[in-house]
Amino acid sequence: MTKNPVELVEKRISRVKSGSRLSSTGQTNGKGHRNGCV
């Protein structure tokens, strides 16, 4: 979907960092998940 493989890696890292916390709101990014959690 994304042309840059770096973006895919970043998305994977952000998913791993957020873990299952983002499973509910998987649409938010690393920054957005903070607002969602808090």
N, C-alpha and C. Protein backbone atom coordinates (compact mmCIF):
# COMPACT_ATOMS: atom_id res chain seq x y z
N MET A 1 0.84 -1.20 0.00
CA MET A 1 0.00 0.00 0.00
C MET A 1 0.89 1.26 0.00
N THR A 2 1.83 1.32 0.91
CA THR A 2 2.74 2.46 0.93
C THR A 2 3.94 2.17 0.06
N LYS A 3 4.42 3.17 -0.65
CA LYS A 3 5.55 2.95 -1.56
C LYS A 3 6.86 2.79 -0.79
N ASN A 4 7.01 3.53 0.30
CA ASN A 4 8.26 3.46 1.06
C ASN A 4 8.21 2.32 2.07
N PRO A 5 9.16 1.37 1.99
CA PRO A 5 9.20 0.26 2.96
C PRO A 5 9.45 0.77 4.37
N VAL A 6 10.09 1.92 4.48
CA VAL A 6 10.36 2.50 5.80
C VAL A 6 9.04 2.77 6.51
N GLU A 7 8.06 3.26 5.76
CA GLU A 7 6.76 3.56 6.36
C GLU A 7 6.15 2.28 6.93
N LEU A 8 6.26 1.19 6.17
CA LEU A 8 5.70 -0.07 6.64
C LEU A 8 6.41 -0.50 7.91
N VAL A 9 7.72 -0.33 7.94
CA VAL A 9 8.48 -0.71 9.15
C VAL A 9 8.04 0.15 10.33
N GLU A 10 7.89 1.44 10.10
CA GLU A 10 7.47 2.33 11.18
C GLU A 10 6.10 1.92 11.69
N LYS A 11 5.21 1.59 10.77
CA LYS A 11 3.87 1.17 11.18
C LYS A 11 3.95 -0.10 12.01
N ARG A 12 4.81 -1.02 11.60
CA ARG A 12 4.96 -2.27 12.36
C ARG A 12 5.50 -1.97 13.75
N ILE A 13 6.50 -1.11 13.82
CA ILE A 13 7.10 -0.77 15.12
C ILE A 13 6.05 -0.11 16.00
N SER A 14 5.29 0.82 15.44
CA SER A 14 4.27 1.51 16.23
C SER A 14 3.24 0.51 16.73
N ARG A 15 2.90 -0.48 15.89
CA ARG A 15 1.93 -1.50 16.31
C ARG A 15 2.50 -2.32 17.45
N VAL A 16 3.75 -2.69 17.32
CA VAL A 16 4.38 -3.51 18.37
C VAL A 16 4.47 -2.71 19.67
N LYS A 17 4.84 -1.44 19.55
CA LYS A 17 4.97 -0.61 20.75
C LYS A 17 3.62 -0.47 21.44
N SER A 18 2.60 -0.13 20.68
CA SER A 18 1.28 0.04 21.27
C SER A 18 0.72 -1.30 21.71
N GLY A 19 1.09 -2.37 21.00
CA GLY A 19 0.63 -3.70 21.39
C GLY A 19 -0.88 -3.84 21.25
N SER A 20 -1.49 -4.59 22.15
CA SER A 20 -2.93 -4.85 22.06
C SER A 20 -3.72 -3.60 22.43
N ARG A 21 -3.03 -2.58 22.96
CA ARG A 21 -3.75 -1.36 23.35
C ARG A 21 -4.40 -0.72 22.14
N LEU A 22 -3.69 -0.82 20.99
CA LEU A 22 -4.22 -0.21 19.78
C LEU A 22 -5.16 -1.15 19.04
N SER A 23 -5.28 -2.38 19.51
CA SER A 23 -6.11 -3.36 18.80
C SER A 23 -7.53 -2.81 18.63
N SER A 24 -7.99 -2.06 19.62
CA SER A 24 -9.35 -1.51 19.53
C SER A 24 -9.39 -0.36 18.54
N THR A 25 -8.42 0.56 18.67
CA THR A 25 -8.39 1.72 17.77
C THR A 25 -7.17 1.64 16.88
N GLY A 26 -7.00 0.53 16.20
CA GLY A 26 -5.83 0.31 15.35
C GLY A 26 -5.65 1.37 14.28
N GLN A 27 -6.63 2.24 14.10
CA GLN A 27 -6.52 3.25 13.04
C GLN A 27 -5.63 4.41 13.47
N THR A 28 -5.48 4.62 14.78
CA THR A 28 -4.68 5.75 15.24
C THR A 28 -3.20 5.44 15.17
N ASN A 29 -2.37 6.45 14.98
CA ASN A 29 -0.92 6.25 14.89
C ASN A 29 -0.30 6.27 16.28
N GLY A 30 1.01 6.15 16.35
CA GLY A 30 1.69 6.16 17.65
C GLY A 30 1.32 7.40 18.45
N LYS A 31 1.22 8.54 17.78
CA LYS A 31 0.87 9.77 18.50
C LYS A 31 -0.60 9.75 18.89
N GLY A 32 -1.43 9.29 17.97
CA GLY A 32 -2.88 9.29 18.24
C GLY A 32 -3.24 8.32 19.34
N HIS A 33 -2.52 7.21 19.45
CA HIS A 33 -2.86 6.20 20.45
C HIS A 33 -2.69 6.78 21.85
N ARG A 34 -1.77 7.73 22.00
CA ARG A 34 -1.58 8.35 23.32
C ARG A 34 -2.86 9.07 23.73
N ASN A 35 -3.38 9.85 22.81
CA ASN A 35 -4.62 10.58 23.12
C ASN A 35 -5.76 9.60 23.39
N GLY A 36 -5.78 8.52 22.62
CA GLY A 36 -6.87 7.55 22.78
C GLY A 36 -6.78 6.85 24.12
N CYS A 37 -5.56 6.47 24.52
CA CYS A 37 -5.40 5.76 25.80
C CYS A 37 -5.71 6.70 26.95
N VAL A 38 -5.12 7.90 26.90
CA VAL A 38 -5.31 8.85 28.00
C VAL A 38 -6.68 9.50 27.80
